[in-house]
């Protein structure tokens, strides 16, 4: 495994890449996108912060929903949005934590 830097028009992004052989040919697959983080630990820290932030947002929305029943439809869509965000970052965090070690070049 190694970290690949991709340069886009806006900014560089980083990916964890795994090489493997299939039918005698060397192929590569993306294990995780690190986005702006250039190291695995930075990516784990970012994902962990996003999971925590999403959890706090969900708690605040739930509390608002319980006290204010007028805007229930608006709070439902907001709740679903942050739940999707939470699930995405939790999956990203699980993937990053499953990567044991990336050998340094």
N, C-alpha and C. Protein backbone atom coordinates (compact mmCIF):
# COMPACT_ATOMS: atom_id res chain seq x y z
N UNK A 1 0.84 -1.18 0.00
CA UNK A 1 0.00 0.00 0.00
C UNK A 1 0.88 1.24 0.00
N UNK A 2 0.33 2.29 -0.58
CA UNK A 2 1.05 3.55 -0.60
C UNK A 2 0.05 4.69 -0.72
N UNK A 3 0.53 5.90 -0.47
CA UNK A 3 -0.32 7.08 -0.60
C UNK A 3 0.00 7.74 -1.93
N UNK A 4 -1.05 7.99 -2.72
CA UNK A 4 -0.89 8.64 -4.02
C UNK A 4 -1.45 10.06 -3.92
N UNK A 5 -0.69 11.00 -4.45
CA UNK A 5 -1.14 12.39 -4.49
C UNK A 5 -1.76 12.66 -5.85
N UNK A 6 -2.97 13.18 -5.85
CA UNK A 6 -3.66 13.56 -7.08
C UNK A 6 -3.79 15.08 -7.11
N UNK A 7 -3.37 15.68 -8.20
CA UNK A 7 -3.48 17.13 -8.31
C UNK A 7 -4.69 17.48 -9.17
N UNK A 8 -5.61 18.23 -8.60
CA UNK A 8 -6.75 18.71 -9.37
C UNK A 8 -6.53 20.20 -9.64
N UNK A 9 -7.48 20.81 -10.28
CA UNK A 9 -7.33 22.23 -10.59
C UNK A 9 -7.38 23.09 -9.33
N UNK A 10 -8.06 22.58 -8.29
CA UNK A 10 -8.22 23.38 -7.06
C UNK A 10 -7.11 23.10 -6.05
N UNK A 11 -6.92 21.85 -5.71
CA UNK A 11 -5.95 21.50 -4.67
C UNK A 11 -5.61 20.02 -4.77
N UNK A 12 -4.51 19.61 -4.15
CA UNK A 12 -4.17 18.19 -4.20
C UNK A 12 -5.05 17.37 -3.26
N UNK A 13 -5.25 16.12 -3.63
CA UNK A 13 -5.94 15.20 -2.74
C UNK A 13 -5.10 13.93 -2.65
N UNK A 14 -5.31 13.16 -1.61
CA UNK A 14 -4.49 11.99 -1.36
C UNK A 14 -5.37 10.75 -1.25
N UNK A 15 -4.82 9.61 -1.70
CA UNK A 15 -5.55 8.35 -1.66
C UNK A 15 -4.62 7.25 -1.14
N UNK A 16 -5.19 6.29 -0.42
CA UNK A 16 -4.45 5.09 -0.06
C UNK A 16 -4.71 4.08 -1.17
N UNK A 17 -3.65 3.60 -1.78
CA UNK A 17 -3.74 2.71 -2.93
C UNK A 17 -3.16 1.34 -2.56
N UNK A 18 -3.83 0.29 -2.99
CA UNK A 18 -3.34 -1.07 -2.79
C UNK A 18 -3.08 -1.69 -4.16
N UNK A 19 -1.89 -2.25 -4.33
CA UNK A 19 -1.55 -2.95 -5.57
C UNK A 19 -1.84 -4.44 -5.39
N UNK A 20 -2.30 -5.08 -6.47
CA UNK A 20 -2.58 -6.52 -6.42
C UNK A 20 -2.44 -7.08 -7.83
N UNK A 21 -2.37 -8.39 -7.92
CA UNK A 21 -2.27 -9.05 -9.23
C UNK A 21 -3.57 -9.76 -9.54
N UNK A 22 -3.98 -9.63 -10.79
CA UNK A 22 -5.17 -10.33 -11.27
C UNK A 22 -4.88 -10.82 -12.69
N UNK A 23 -4.98 -12.11 -12.88
CA UNK A 23 -4.68 -12.72 -14.17
C UNK A 23 -3.29 -12.34 -14.67
N UNK A 24 -2.33 -12.29 -13.75
CA UNK A 24 -0.95 -11.99 -14.12
C UNK A 24 -0.65 -10.52 -14.36
N UNK A 25 -1.65 -9.67 -14.20
CA UNK A 25 -1.46 -8.23 -14.42
C UNK A 25 -1.50 -7.51 -13.08
N UNK A 26 -0.66 -6.49 -12.95
CA UNK A 26 -0.64 -5.67 -11.74
C UNK A 26 -1.74 -4.63 -11.87
N UNK A 27 -2.58 -4.56 -10.84
CA UNK A 27 -3.66 -3.58 -10.81
C UNK A 27 -3.60 -2.82 -9.49
N UNK A 28 -4.33 -1.72 -9.44
CA UNK A 28 -4.39 -0.91 -8.22
C UNK A 28 -5.83 -0.60 -7.90
N UNK A 29 -6.12 -0.51 -6.60
CA UNK A 29 -7.45 -0.11 -6.17
C UNK A 29 -7.32 0.92 -5.04
N UNK A 30 -8.28 1.82 -5.01
CA UNK A 30 -8.31 2.85 -3.96
C UNK A 30 -8.93 2.24 -2.71
N UNK A 31 -8.18 2.25 -1.63
CA UNK A 31 -8.68 1.74 -0.35
C UNK A 31 -9.45 2.83 0.39
N UNK A 32 -8.91 4.05 0.37
CA UNK A 32 -9.58 5.17 1.04
C UNK A 32 -9.11 6.48 0.44
N UNK A 33 -10.01 7.45 0.43
CA UNK A 33 -9.66 8.81 0.03
C UNK A 33 -9.32 9.61 1.27
N UNK A 34 -8.13 10.19 1.27
CA UNK A 34 -7.70 10.99 2.42
C UNK A 34 -8.04 12.46 2.24
N UNK A 35 -8.55 12.81 1.08
CA UNK A 35 -8.90 14.20 0.75
C UNK A 35 -7.68 15.10 0.88
N UNK A 36 -7.74 16.11 1.76
CA UNK A 36 -6.64 17.07 1.90
C UNK A 36 -5.55 16.57 2.83
N UNK A 37 -5.80 15.51 3.57
CA UNK A 37 -4.85 15.03 4.57
C UNK A 37 -3.78 14.18 3.89
N UNK A 38 -2.51 14.52 4.16
CA UNK A 38 -1.43 13.83 3.47
C UNK A 38 -0.93 12.60 4.22
N UNK A 39 -1.41 12.38 5.45
CA UNK A 39 -1.01 11.18 6.20
C UNK A 39 -2.25 10.45 6.70
N UNK A 40 -2.08 9.19 6.99
CA UNK A 40 -3.18 8.38 7.50
C UNK A 40 -3.69 8.93 8.83
N UNK A 41 -2.79 9.32 9.72
CA UNK A 41 -3.21 9.83 11.03
C UNK A 41 -4.01 11.12 10.90
N UNK A 42 -3.60 12.00 9.99
CA UNK A 42 -4.37 13.24 9.77
C UNK A 42 -5.77 12.91 9.28
N UNK A 43 -5.87 11.94 8.38
CA UNK A 43 -7.19 11.55 7.84
C UNK A 43 -8.07 10.95 8.93
N UNK A 44 -7.48 10.14 9.81
CA UNK A 44 -8.23 9.55 10.93
C UNK A 44 -8.72 10.65 11.86
N UNK A 45 -7.85 11.61 12.16
CA UNK A 45 -8.23 12.72 13.02
C UNK A 45 -9.37 13.54 12.41
N UNK A 46 -9.29 13.80 11.11
CA UNK A 46 -10.34 14.55 10.42
C UNK A 46 -11.66 13.79 10.46
N UNK A 47 -11.62 12.50 10.15
CA UNK A 47 -12.84 11.69 10.15
C UNK A 47 -13.44 11.62 11.55
N UNK A 48 -12.59 11.47 12.55
CA UNK A 48 -13.06 11.41 13.94
C UNK A 48 -13.74 12.72 14.33
N UNK A 49 -13.14 13.84 13.95
CA UNK A 49 -13.74 15.15 14.25
C UNK A 49 -15.08 15.31 13.55
N UNK A 50 -15.19 14.85 12.30
CA UNK A 50 -16.44 14.95 11.56
C UNK A 50 -17.53 14.07 12.18
N UNK A 51 -17.16 12.87 12.64
CA UNK A 51 -18.13 11.99 13.30
C UNK A 51 -18.65 12.66 14.57
N UNK A 52 -17.75 13.21 15.37
CA UNK A 52 -18.14 13.88 16.61
C UNK A 52 -19.04 15.08 16.32
N UNK A 53 -18.67 15.89 15.34
CA UNK A 53 -19.46 17.06 14.98
C UNK A 53 -20.85 16.65 14.50
N UNK A 54 -20.93 15.61 13.68
CA UNK A 54 -22.23 15.14 13.18
C UNK A 54 -23.10 14.61 14.31
N UNK A 55 -22.49 13.89 15.25
CA UNK A 55 -23.24 13.39 16.41
C UNK A 55 -23.84 14.54 17.20
N UNK A 56 -23.05 15.58 17.43
CA UNK A 56 -23.52 16.74 18.19
C UNK A 56 -24.64 17.45 17.45
N UNK A 57 -24.52 17.56 16.12
CA UNK A 57 -25.58 18.19 15.32
C UNK A 57 -26.87 17.38 15.41
N UNK A 58 -26.76 16.06 15.36
CA UNK A 58 -27.95 15.20 15.46
C UNK A 58 -28.63 15.36 16.82
N UNK A 59 -27.84 15.47 17.87
CA UNK A 59 -28.41 15.66 19.22
C UNK A 59 -29.15 16.99 19.29
N UNK A 60 -28.53 18.06 18.75
CA UNK A 60 -29.18 19.37 18.78
C UNK A 60 -30.48 19.37 17.98
N UNK A 61 -30.46 18.72 16.82
CA UNK A 61 -31.67 18.66 15.99
C UNK A 61 -32.77 17.87 16.69
N UNK A 62 -32.39 16.77 17.32
CA UNK A 62 -33.37 15.95 18.04
C UNK A 62 -33.99 16.75 19.19
N UNK A 63 -33.18 17.50 19.91
CA UNK A 63 -33.70 18.32 21.01
C UNK A 63 -34.65 19.39 20.49
N UNK A 64 -34.28 20.03 19.38
CA UNK A 64 -35.15 21.05 18.78
C UNK A 64 -36.46 20.44 18.30
N UNK A 65 -36.36 19.23 17.75
CA UNK A 65 -37.54 18.54 17.23
C UNK A 65 -38.52 18.22 18.37
N UNK A 66 -37.98 17.86 19.51
CA UNK A 66 -38.83 17.52 20.65
C UNK A 66 -39.52 18.74 21.24
N UNK A 67 -38.86 19.90 21.20
CA UNK A 67 -39.44 21.09 21.80
C UNK A 67 -40.29 21.91 20.83
N UNK A 68 -40.06 21.75 19.54
CA UNK A 68 -40.77 22.56 18.56
C UNK A 68 -41.38 21.64 17.50
N UNK A 69 -42.66 21.42 17.56
CA UNK A 69 -43.31 20.52 16.61
C UNK A 69 -43.81 21.23 15.36
N UNK A 70 -43.69 22.57 15.29
CA UNK A 70 -44.19 23.32 14.14
C UNK A 70 -43.44 22.98 12.85
N UNK A 71 -42.13 22.99 12.89
CA UNK A 71 -41.31 22.77 11.69
C UNK A 71 -40.81 21.34 11.61
N UNK A 72 -41.69 20.41 11.85
CA UNK A 72 -41.29 19.00 11.89
C UNK A 72 -40.71 18.53 10.55
N UNK A 73 -41.33 18.91 9.42
CA UNK A 73 -40.84 18.44 8.12
C UNK A 73 -39.45 19.00 7.83
N UNK A 74 -39.21 20.26 8.17
CA UNK A 74 -37.90 20.86 7.96
C UNK A 74 -36.86 20.17 8.84
N UNK A 75 -37.19 19.91 10.10
CA UNK A 75 -36.23 19.27 10.98
C UNK A 75 -35.99 17.82 10.58
N UNK A 76 -37.00 17.16 10.00
CA UNK A 76 -36.81 15.78 9.53
C UNK A 76 -35.80 15.72 8.40
N UNK A 77 -35.91 16.63 7.43
CA UNK A 77 -34.96 16.62 6.32
C UNK A 77 -33.56 17.00 6.80
N UNK A 78 -33.48 17.94 7.72
CA UNK A 78 -32.18 18.31 8.29
C UNK A 78 -31.59 17.14 9.05
N UNK A 79 -32.42 16.43 9.80
CA UNK A 79 -31.95 15.27 10.56
C UNK A 79 -31.42 14.19 9.61
N UNK A 80 -32.15 13.92 8.52
CA UNK A 80 -31.70 12.92 7.54
C UNK A 80 -30.37 13.33 6.90
N UNK A 81 -30.24 14.62 6.60
CA UNK A 81 -29.00 15.13 6.02
C UNK A 81 -27.81 14.85 6.93
N UNK A 82 -27.95 15.20 8.21
CA UNK A 82 -26.85 15.00 9.14
C UNK A 82 -26.64 13.52 9.48
N UNK A 83 -27.69 12.72 9.40
CA UNK A 83 -27.54 11.28 9.62
C UNK A 83 -26.73 10.67 8.47
N UNK A 84 -27.02 11.10 7.25
CA UNK A 84 -26.23 10.63 6.11
C UNK A 84 -24.77 11.04 6.23
N UNK A 85 -24.55 12.27 6.65
CA UNK A 85 -23.20 12.78 6.86
C UNK A 85 -22.49 11.96 7.94
N UNK A 86 -23.18 11.69 9.02
CA UNK A 86 -22.61 10.89 10.11
C UNK A 86 -22.24 9.48 9.61
N UNK A 87 -23.16 8.85 8.88
CA UNK A 87 -22.90 7.49 8.39
C UNK A 87 -21.72 7.46 7.42
N UNK A 88 -21.61 8.48 6.57
CA UNK A 88 -20.49 8.55 5.63
C UNK A 88 -19.17 8.63 6.39
N UNK A 89 -19.09 9.56 7.35
CA UNK A 89 -17.83 9.74 8.07
C UNK A 89 -17.50 8.56 8.97
N UNK A 90 -18.53 7.91 9.51
CA UNK A 90 -18.28 6.73 10.34
C UNK A 90 -17.71 5.61 9.47
N UNK A 91 -18.23 5.44 8.27
CA UNK A 91 -17.70 4.43 7.35
C UNK A 91 -16.27 4.77 6.95
N UNK A 92 -16.03 6.05 6.67
CA UNK A 92 -14.67 6.49 6.32
C UNK A 92 -13.70 6.21 7.47
N UNK A 93 -14.13 6.51 8.69
CA UNK A 93 -13.29 6.28 9.86
C UNK A 93 -13.00 4.79 10.03
N UNK A 94 -14.01 3.95 9.87
CA UNK A 94 -13.81 2.50 9.97
C UNK A 94 -12.81 2.00 8.93
N UNK A 95 -12.94 2.50 7.71
CA UNK A 95 -12.02 2.10 6.64
C UNK A 95 -10.60 2.52 6.96
N UNK A 96 -10.43 3.76 7.40
CA UNK A 96 -9.09 4.26 7.71
C UNK A 96 -8.46 3.50 8.87
N UNK A 97 -9.27 3.18 9.88
CA UNK A 97 -8.74 2.45 11.05
C UNK A 97 -8.40 1.01 10.69
N UNK A 98 -9.01 0.47 9.63
CA UNK A 98 -8.71 -0.91 9.25
C UNK A 98 -7.39 -1.02 8.50
N UNK A 99 -6.88 0.09 7.99
CA UNK A 99 -5.58 0.10 7.33
C UNK A 99 -4.50 0.02 8.41
N UNK A 100 -3.76 -1.05 8.40
CA UNK A 100 -2.80 -1.29 9.47
C UNK A 100 -1.65 -0.28 9.44
N UNK A 101 -0.93 -0.29 8.35
CA UNK A 101 0.25 0.56 8.26
C UNK A 101 0.58 0.78 6.79
N UNK A 102 1.03 1.95 6.49
CA UNK A 102 1.46 2.24 5.13
C UNK A 102 2.97 2.37 5.17
N UNK A 103 3.66 1.51 4.42
CA UNK A 103 5.13 1.61 4.43
C UNK A 103 5.59 2.96 3.88
N UNK A 104 6.59 3.53 4.48
CA UNK A 104 7.10 4.80 3.99
C UNK A 104 7.99 4.56 2.77
N UNK A 105 7.96 5.50 1.86
CA UNK A 105 8.71 5.33 0.61
C UNK A 105 10.18 5.59 0.79
